């Protein structure tokens, strides 16, 4: 397994509210663990939400005695949601904070993914395929056929999230199981990348023969050249299949 992650404030934002975590070695009973989060809230609250939630997910996975990955991830997300809500109740400056969350682990040739919000996980191998499902107002409009994907990229309401960790007492995550193939690359990212760079260009960079660090850095650079309107987090994982 080879992994590289990078997070960048972008051009227009003063603070980076994204956070990520990557471990190619075991965390609890999971053989590896990868997390990307994009926080939201007032001054410093979004930064706190993404970082705190990521740490709580890692801690929950580390002490969980179960071995079934979906159960482990589901419990970690549920616990982190409850703890984040408690943090918001205890500090008026953190009220209303929340975060997107994408969590993944790889067991053999199986990839297990959980997501809340609109941060994404893709499989890239000659083409690019989004595994996660965006929980956003505009994504729902696309699924209902009210706007197409191109219109969605520039829709004024594209940043309205319909699900987030910390937004409600009960968090609802989507779970996915994917069978990995030889030469599959996994890309996890926040919308600071996907709102600024077309999927086809993302694919071209991820499948290039440069180092992981060069590919991730180039994706961030393209997003910033295109305006860098948001924080940008990119994680590229190359499984050993």
C-alpha atoms as a PDB file:
ATOM      1  CA  UNK A   1       0.000   0.000   0.000  1.00  0.00           C
ATOM      2  CA  UNK A   2       1.256   3.440  -0.917  1.00  0.00           C
ATOM      3  CA  UNK A   3      -0.487   6.634   0.176  1.00  0.00           C
ATOM      4  CA  UNK A   4       0.070  10.356  -0.055  1.00  0.00           C
ATOM      5  CA  UNK A   5      -2.151  13.133   1.266  1.00  0.00           C
ATOM      6  CA  UNK A   6      -1.993  16.911   1.087  1.00  0.00           C
ATOM      7  CA  UNK A   7      -4.251  19.704   2.306  1.00  0.00           C
ATOM      8  CA  UNK A   8      -4.103  23.332   1.233  1.00  0.00           C
ATOM      9  CA  UNK A   9      -5.928  26.476   2.335  1.00  0.00           C
ATOM     10  CA  UNK A  10      -6.592  27.575  -1.258  1.00  0.00           C
ATOM     11  CA  UNK A  11      -6.443  31.096  -2.629  1.00  0.00           C
ATOM     12  CA  UNK A  12      -9.474  32.796  -1.084  1.00  0.00           C
ATOM     13  CA  UNK A  13      -9.877  31.248   2.365  1.00  0.00           C
ATOM     14  CA  UNK A  14      -7.915  32.464   5.399  1.00  0.00           C
ATOM     15  CA  UNK A  15      -8.217  29.218   7.362  1.00  0.00           C
ATOM     16  CA  UNK A  16      -8.020  25.569   6.391  1.00  0.00           C
ATOM     17  CA  UNK A  17     -11.059  23.732   7.766  1.00  0.00           C
ATOM     18  CA  UNK A  18     -10.179  20.461   6.018  1.00  0.00           C
ATOM     19  CA  UNK A  19      -8.480  17.626   7.874  1.00  0.00           C
ATOM     20  CA  UNK A  20      -7.214  14.193   6.842  1.00  0.00           C
ATOM     21  CA  UNK A  21      -5.685  11.071   8.332  1.00  0.00           C
ATOM     22  CA  UNK A  22      -3.954   8.128   6.660  1.00  0.00           C
ATOM     23  CA  UNK A  23      -2.529   4.944   8.115  1.00  0.00           C
ATOM     24  CA  UNK A  24      -1.242   2.119   5.920  1.00  0.00           C
ATOM     25  CA  UNK A  25      -0.735   0.054   9.082  1.00  0.00           C
ATOM     26  CA  UNK A  26      -3.415  -1.406  11.379  1.00  0.00           C
ATOM     27  CA  UNK A  27      -5.678   0.749  13.507  1.00  0.00           C
ATOM     28  CA  UNK A  28      -7.443  -1.559  15.947  1.00  0.00           C
ATOM     29  CA  UNK A  29      -8.711  -4.557  13.996  1.00  0.00           C
ATOM     30  CA  UNK A  30      -8.724  -2.719  10.668  1.00  0.00           C
ATOM     31  CA  UNK A  31      -5.551  -3.259   8.577  1.00  0.00           C
ATOM     32  CA  UNK A  32      -5.479   0.408   7.470  1.00  0.00           C
ATOM     33  CA  UNK A  33      -7.568   3.542   7.772  1.00  0.00           C
ATOM     34  CA  UNK A  34      -8.093   6.649   5.636  1.00  0.00           C
ATOM     35  CA  UNK A  35     -10.182   9.730   6.494  1.00  0.00           C
ATOM     36  CA  UNK A  36     -10.999  13.035   4.800  1.00  0.00           C
ATOM     37  CA  UNK A  37     -13.166  15.682   6.498  1.00  0.00           C
ATOM     38  CA  UNK A  38     -14.324  19.166   5.529  1.00  0.00           C
ATOM     39  CA  UNK A  39     -15.475  21.251   8.484  1.00  0.00           C
ATOM     40  CA  UNK A  40     -18.113  23.947   8.577  1.00  0.00           C
ATOM     41  CA  UNK A  41     -19.078  26.542  11.163  1.00  0.00           C
ATOM     42  CA  UNK A  42     -18.077  29.932  12.499  1.00  0.00           C
ATOM     43  CA  UNK A  43     -14.617  31.247  13.330  1.00  0.00           C
ATOM     44  CA  UNK A  44     -12.386  28.206  13.952  1.00  0.00           C
ATOM     45  CA  UNK A  45     -15.419  25.968  14.570  1.00  0.00           C
ATOM     46  CA  UNK A  46     -15.155  24.209  11.205  1.00  0.00           C
ATOM     47  CA  UNK A  47     -11.459  23.614  11.749  1.00  0.00           C
ATOM     48  CA  UNK A  48     -12.230  22.150  15.163  1.00  0.00           C
ATOM     49  CA  UNK A  49     -15.102  19.998  13.853  1.00  0.00           C
ATOM     50  CA  UNK A  50     -13.095  18.258  11.131  1.00  0.00           C
ATOM     51  CA  UNK A  51     -10.045  17.693  13.333  1.00  0.00           C
ATOM     52  CA  UNK A  52     -11.998  16.578  16.403  1.00  0.00           C
ATOM     53  CA  UNK A  53     -14.232  14.220  14.417  1.00  0.00           C
ATOM     54  CA  UNK A  54     -11.275  12.624  12.653  1.00  0.00           C
ATOM     55  CA  UNK A  55      -9.489  12.030  15.947  1.00  0.00           C
ATOM     56  CA  UNK A  56     -12.617  10.546  17.519  1.00  0.00           C
ATOM     57  CA  UNK A  57     -13.147   8.186  14.569  1.00  0.00           C
ATOM     58  CA  UNK A  58      -9.554   6.962  14.829  1.00  0.00           C
ATOM     59  CA  UNK A  59      -9.892   6.481  18.588  1.00  0.00           C
ATOM     60  CA  UNK A  60     -13.136   4.541  18.232  1.00  0.00           C
ATOM     61  CA  UNK A  61     -11.699   2.251  15.560  1.00  0.00           C
ATOM     62  CA  UNK A  62      -8.569   1.673  17.642  1.00  0.00           C
ATOM     63  CA  UNK A  63     -10.508   0.363  20.661  1.00  0.00           C
ATOM     64  CA  UNK A  64     -13.253  -1.522  18.808  1.00  0.00           C
ATOM     65  CA  UNK A  65     -12.999  -5.308  19.263  1.00  0.00           C
ATOM     66  CA  UNK A  66     -15.184  -6.116  16.264  1.00  0.00           C
ATOM     67  CA  UNK A  67     -13.654  -7.297  12.998  1.00  0.00           C
ATOM     68  CA  UNK A  68     -16.453  -6.603  10.492  1.00  0.00           C
ATOM     69  CA  UNK A  69     -15.397  -3.307   8.858  1.00  0.00           C
ATOM     70  CA  UNK A  70     -18.841  -1.794   8.261  1.00  0.00           C
ATOM     71  CA  UNK A  71     -19.791  -2.331  11.912  1.00  0.00           C
ATOM     72  CA  UNK A  72     -16.526  -0.780  13.060  1.00  0.00           C
ATOM     73  CA  UNK A  73     -16.920   2.269  10.799  1.00  0.00           C
ATOM     74  CA  UNK A  74     -20.599   2.724  11.638  1.00  0.00           C
ATOM     75  CA  UNK A  75     -19.924   2.721  15.370  1.00  0.00           C
ATOM     76  CA  UNK A  76     -17.025   5.158  14.950  1.00  0.00           C
ATOM     77  CA  UNK A  77     -19.170   7.620  12.998  1.00  0.00           C
ATOM     78  CA  UNK A  78     -22.064   7.333  15.469  1.00  0.00           C
ATOM     79  CA  UNK A  79     -19.808   7.933  18.462  1.00  0.00           C
ATOM     80  CA  UNK A  80     -17.969  10.839  16.837  1.00  0.00           C
ATOM     81  CA  UNK A  81     -21.285  12.481  15.937  1.00  0.00           C
ATOM     82  CA  UNK A  82     -22.506  12.254  19.533  1.00  0.00           C
ATOM     83  CA  UNK A  83     -19.258  13.648  20.893  1.00  0.00           C
ATOM     84  CA  UNK A  84     -19.181  16.522  18.399  1.00  0.00           C
ATOM     85  CA  UNK A  85     -22.727  17.518  19.312  1.00  0.00           C
ATOM     86  CA  UNK A  86     -21.756  17.488  22.986  1.00  0.00           C
ATOM     87  CA  UNK A  87     -18.760  19.710  22.238  1.00  0.00           C
ATOM     88  CA  UNK A  88     -21.029  22.195  20.439  1.00  0.00           C
ATOM     89  CA  UNK A  89     -23.433  22.273  23.386  1.00  0.00           C
ATOM     90  CA  UNK A  90     -20.621  23.000  25.830  1.00  0.00           C
ATOM     91  CA  UNK A  91     -19.112  25.909  23.881  1.00  0.00           C
ATOM     92  CA  UNK A  92     -21.243  28.697  22.425  1.00  0.00           C
ATOM     93  CA  UNK A  93     -18.522  29.508  19.874  1.00  0.00           C
ATOM     94  CA  UNK A  94     -18.846  26.009  18.440  1.00  0.00           C
ATOM     95  CA  UNK A  95     -22.624  25.868  18.126  1.00  0.00           C
ATOM     96  CA  UNK A  96     -23.726  24.896  14.634  1.00  0.00           C
ATOM     97  CA  UNK A  97     -20.419  23.320  13.688  1.00  0.00           C
ATOM     98  CA  UNK A  98     -20.288  20.157  11.617  1.00  0.00           C
ATOM     99  CA  UNK A  99     -18.166  18.301   9.119  1.00  0.00           C
ATOM    100  CA  UNK A 100     -18.337  16.075   6.084  1.00  0.00           C
ATOM    101  CA  UNK A 101     -16.638  12.712   6.465  1.00  0.00           C
ATOM    102  CA  UNK A 102     -15.271  10.038   4.160  1.00  0.00           C
ATOM    103  CA  UNK A 103     -13.744   6.972   5.837  1.00  0.00           C
ATOM    104  CA  UNK A 104     -12.212   3.992   4.046  1.00  0.00           C
ATOM    105  CA  UNK A 105     -10.381   0.772   4.789  1.00  0.00           C
ATOM    106  CA  UNK A 106      -9.004  -1.937   2.486  1.00  0.00           C
ATOM    107  CA  UNK A 107      -9.115  -5.639   3.325  1.00  0.00           C
ATOM    108  CA  UNK A 108      -7.467  -7.727   0.627  1.00  0.00           C
ATOM    109  CA  UNK A 109      -9.187  -6.791  -2.631  1.00  0.00           C
ATOM    110  CA  UNK A 110     -12.214  -5.241  -0.899  1.00  0.00           C
ATOM    111  CA  UNK A 111     -12.614  -1.531  -0.248  1.00  0.00           C
ATOM    112  CA  UNK A 112     -15.084  -0.466   2.441  1.00  0.00           C
ATOM    113  CA  UNK A 113     -16.236   3.150   2.436  1.00  0.00           C
ATOM    114  CA  UNK A 114     -18.530   5.312   4.562  1.00  0.00           C
ATOM    115  CA  UNK A 115     -19.486   8.896   3.784  1.00  0.00           C
ATOM    116  CA  UNK A 116     -21.528  11.768   5.174  1.00  0.00           C
ATOM    117  CA  UNK A 117     -21.739  15.017   3.208  1.00  0.00           C
ATOM    118  CA  UNK A 118     -20.181  15.895  -0.128  1.00  0.00           C
ATOM    119  CA  UNK A 119     -16.510  14.979   0.232  1.00  0.00           C
ATOM    120  CA  UNK A 120     -15.806  12.145  -2.167  1.00  0.00           C
ATOM    121  CA  UNK A 121     -14.034   8.880  -2.865  1.00  0.00           C
ATOM    122  CA  UNK A 122     -13.247   7.882  -6.449  1.00  0.00           C
ATOM    123  CA  UNK A 123     -11.819   4.785  -8.103  1.00  0.00           C
ATOM    124  CA  UNK A 124      -9.463   5.740 -10.928  1.00  0.00           C
ATOM    125  CA  UNK A 125      -8.196   3.197 -13.457  1.00  0.00           C
ATOM    126  CA  UNK A 126      -8.243   4.461 -17.027  1.00  0.00           C
ATOM    127  CA  UNK A 127     -11.527   6.149 -16.170  1.00  0.00           C
ATOM    128  CA  UNK A 128     -12.825   7.795 -13.009  1.00  0.00           C
ATOM    129  CA  UNK A 129     -15.797   6.571 -10.999  1.00  0.00           C
ATOM    130  CA  UNK A 130     -17.314   8.254  -7.964  1.00  0.00           C
ATOM    131  CA  UNK A 131     -18.109   5.669  -5.276  1.00  0.00           C
ATOM    132  CA  UNK A 132     -19.576   7.952  -2.624  1.00  0.00           C
ATOM    133  CA  UNK A 133     -22.912   9.712  -2.912  1.00  0.00           C
ATOM    134  CA  UNK A 134     -23.050  13.443  -2.308  1.00  0.00           C
ATOM    135  CA  UNK A 135     -25.419  14.540   0.431  1.00  0.00           C
ATOM    136  CA  UNK A 136     -26.180  18.007  -0.869  1.00  0.00           C
ATOM    137  CA  UNK A 137     -29.176  19.986  -2.103  1.00  0.00           C
ATOM    138  CA  UNK A 138     -27.857  20.214  -5.657  1.00  0.00           C
ATOM    139  CA  UNK A 139     -26.933  16.514  -5.771  1.00  0.00           C
ATOM    140  CA  UNK A 140     -30.534  15.708  -4.876  1.00  0.00           C
ATOM    141  CA  UNK A 141     -31.683  17.986  -7.711  1.00  0.00           C
ATOM    142  CA  UNK A 142     -29.427  16.083 -10.124  1.00  0.00           C
ATOM    143  CA  UNK A 143     -30.821  12.742  -8.947  1.00  0.00           C
ATOM    144  CA  UNK A 144     -34.360  14.093  -9.482  1.00  0.00           C
ATOM    145  CA  UNK A 145     -33.469  15.277 -12.982  1.00  0.00           C
ATOM    146  CA  UNK A 146     -34.039  18.966 -12.206  1.00  0.00           C
ATOM    147  CA  UNK A 147     -30.496  19.979 -13.205  1.00  0.00           C
ATOM    148  CA  UNK A 148     -27.718  18.162 -15.041  1.00  0.00           C
ATOM    149  CA  UNK A 149     -24.205  17.546 -13.735  1.00  0.00           C
ATOM    150  CA  UNK A 150     -22.715  20.499 -15.606  1.00  0.00           C
ATOM    151  CA  UNK A 151     -25.342  22.891 -14.281  1.00  0.00           C
ATOM    152  CA  UNK A 152     -24.754  21.505 -10.793  1.00  0.00           C
ATOM    153  CA  UNK A 153     -21.084  22.571 -10.867  1.00  0.00           C
ATOM    154  CA  UNK A 154     -22.053  26.255 -11.058  1.00  0.00           C
ATOM    155  CA  UNK A 155     -25.355  26.186  -9.169  1.00  0.00           C
ATOM    156  CA  UNK A 156     -25.562  28.943  -6.508  1.00  0.00           C
ATOM    157  CA  UNK A 157     -26.800  26.439  -3.892  1.00  0.00           C
ATOM    158  CA  UNK A 158     -24.137  23.786  -4.504  1.00  0.00           C
ATOM    159  CA  UNK A 159     -22.603  24.294  -1.048  1.00  0.00           C
ATOM    160  CA  UNK A 160     -25.800  23.453   0.852  1.00  0.00           C
ATOM    161  CA  UNK A 161     -25.159  20.146   2.641  1.00  0.00           C
ATOM    162  CA  UNK A 162     -28.097  17.878   3.550  1.00  0.00           C
ATOM    163  CA  UNK A 163     -26.126  15.605   5.893  1.00  0.00           C
ATOM    164  CA  UNK A 164     -23.125  16.268   8.128  1.00  0.00           C
ATOM    165  CA  UNK A 165     -21.529  14.891  11.257  1.00  0.00           C
ATOM    166  CA  UNK A 166     -22.720  17.120  14.097  1.00  0.00           C
ATOM    167  CA  UNK A 167     -25.855  18.323  12.313  1.00  0.00           C
ATOM    168  CA  UNK A 168     -28.366  16.035  14.064  1.00  0.00           C
ATOM    169  CA  UNK A 169     -28.600  13.638  17.004  1.00  0.00           C
ATOM    170  CA  UNK A 170     -28.716  10.690  14.588  1.00  0.00           C
ATOM    171  CA  UNK A 171     -26.170  10.704  11.789  1.00  0.00           C
ATOM    172  CA  UNK A 172     -26.946   8.744   8.620  1.00  0.00           C
ATOM    173  CA  UNK A 173     -23.895   7.553   6.692  1.00  0.00           C
ATOM    174  CA  UNK A 174     -23.887   5.715   3.379  1.00  0.00           C
ATOM    175  CA  UNK A 175     -21.765   2.568   3.149  1.00  0.00           C
ATOM    176  CA  UNK A 176     -20.175   1.007   0.079  1.00  0.00           C
ATOM    177  CA  UNK A 177     -18.225  -2.151  -0.674  1.00  0.00           C
ATOM    178  CA  UNK A 178     -16.083  -2.207  -3.817  1.00  0.00           C
ATOM    179  CA  UNK A 179     -14.038  -5.038  -5.305  1.00  0.00           C
ATOM    180  CA  UNK A 180     -10.692  -3.596  -6.290  1.00  0.00           C
ATOM    181  CA  UNK A 181      -8.949  -4.512  -9.520  1.00  0.00           C
ATOM    182  CA  UNK A 182      -5.298  -4.444 -10.510  1.00  0.00           C
ATOM    183  CA  UNK A 183      -4.012  -0.882 -11.035  1.00  0.00           C
ATOM    184  CA  UNK A 184      -6.982   0.735  -9.283  1.00  0.00           C
ATOM    185  CA  UNK A 185      -6.097   4.000  -7.588  1.00  0.00           C
ATOM    186  CA  UNK A 186      -8.252   5.472  -4.841  1.00  0.00           C
ATOM    187  CA  UNK A 187      -8.759   9.218  -4.629  1.00  0.00           C
ATOM    188  CA  UNK A 188     -10.329  10.821  -1.556  1.00  0.00           C
ATOM    189  CA  UNK A 189     -10.910  14.562  -1.639  1.00  0.00           C
ATOM    190  CA  UNK A 190     -12.944  17.548  -0.491  1.00  0.00           C
ATOM    191  CA  UNK A 191     -15.089  19.699  -2.748  1.00  0.00           C
ATOM    192  CA  UNK A 192     -12.312  22.282  -2.936  1.00  0.00           C
ATOM    193  CA  UNK A 193     -10.875  19.968  -5.583  1.00  0.00           C
ATOM    194  CA  UNK A 194     -13.997  18.701  -7.332  1.00  0.00           C
ATOM    195  CA  UNK A 195     -15.614  22.143  -7.617  1.00  0.00           C
ATOM    196  CA  UNK A 196     -12.515  23.516  -9.323  1.00  0.00           C
ATOM    197  CA  UNK A 197     -11.221  20.639 -11.484  1.00  0.00           C
ATOM    198  CA  UNK A 198     -13.146  18.525 -14.003  1.00  0.00           C
ATOM    199  CA  UNK A 199     -13.235  14.761 -13.433  1.00  0.00           C
ATOM    200  CA  UNK A 200     -11.433  14.040 -16.712  1.00  0.00           C
ATOM    201  CA  UNK A 201      -8.479  16.203 -15.710  1.00  0.00           C
ATOM    202  CA  UNK A 202      -8.412  14.656 -12.243  1.00  0.00           C
ATOM    203  CA  UNK A 203      -8.275  11.230 -13.899  1.00  0.00           C
ATOM    204  CA  UNK A 204      -5.393  12.211 -16.189  1.00  0.00           C
ATOM    205  CA  UNK A 205      -3.315  13.404 -13.253  1.00  0.00           C
ATOM    206  CA  UNK A 206      -4.050  10.429 -10.983  1.00  0.00           C
ATOM    207  CA  UNK A 207      -3.128   7.815 -13.634  1.00  0.00           C
ATOM    208  CA  UNK A 208       0.067   9.602 -14.688  1.00  0.00           C
ATOM    209  CA  UNK A 209       3.446   8.005 -14.002  1.00  0.00           C
ATOM    210  CA  UNK A 210       4.629  10.700 -11.605  1.00  0.00           C
ATOM    211  CA  UNK A 211       5.138  10.081  -7.883  1.00  0.00           C
ATOM    212  CA  UNK A 212       2.139  10.152  -5.573  1.00  0.00           C
ATOM    213  CA  UNK A 213       3.371  13.414  -4.072  1.00  0.00           C
ATOM    214  CA  UNK A 214       3.727  14.999  -7.512  1.00  0.00           C
ATOM    215  CA  UNK A 215       0.243  13.873  -8.580  1.00  0.00           C
ATOM    216  CA  UNK A 216      -1.435  15.104  -5.401  1.00  0.00           C
ATOM    217  CA  UNK A 217       0.473  18.378  -5.542  1.00  0.00           C
ATOM    218  CA  UNK A 218      -0.501  18.901  -9.175  1.00  0.00           C
ATOM    219  CA  UNK A 219      -4.198  18.445  -8.366  1.00  0.00           C
ATOM    220  CA  UNK A 220      -3.942  21.101  -5.662  1.00  0.00           C
ATOM    221  CA  UNK A 221      -2.043  23.396  -8.022  1.00  0.00           C
ATOM    222  CA  UNK A 222      -4.699  23.044 -10.751  1.00  0.00           C
ATOM    223  CA  UNK A 223      -7.493  23.783  -8.273  1.00  0.00           C
ATOM    224  CA  UNK A 224      -5.648  26.918  -7.175  1.00  0.00           C
ATOM    225  CA  UNK A 225      -4.946  28.000 -10.750  1.00  0.00           C
ATOM    226  CA  UNK A 226      -8.666  27.674 -11.422  1.00  0.00           C
ATOM    227  CA  UNK A 227      -9.510  30.027  -8.565  1.00  0.00           C
ATOM    228  CA  UNK A 228      -8.828  28.088  -5.346  1.00  0.00           C
ATOM    229  CA  UNK A 229     -12.097  29.234  -3.837  1.00  0.00           C
ATOM    230  CA  UNK A 230     -12.089  26.650  -1.022  1.00  0.00           C
ATOM    231  CA  UNK A 231      -9.746  24.509   1.036  1.00  0.00           C
ATOM    232  CA  UNK A 232      -8.377  21.585  -0.973  1.00  0.00           C
ATOM    233  CA  UNK A 233      -7.574  18.132   0.378  1.00  0.00           C
ATOM    234  CA  UNK A 234      -6.319  15.287  -1.795  1.00  0.00           C
ATOM    235  CA  UNK A 235      -5.426  11.731  -0.759  1.00  0.00           C
ATOM    236  CA  UNK A 236      -4.232   9.164  -3.305  1.00  0.00           C
ATOM    237  CA  UNK A 237      -3.988   5.500  -2.307  1.00  0.00           C
ATOM    238  CA  UNK A 238      -2.408   2.748  -4.408  1.00  0.00           C
ATOM    239  CA  UNK A 239      -3.518  -0.655  -3.046  1.00  0.00           C
ATOM    240  CA  UNK A 240      -1.336  -3.701  -3.512  1.00  0.00           C
ATOM    241  CA  UNK A 241      -3.723  -5.885  -5.552  1.00  0.00           C
END
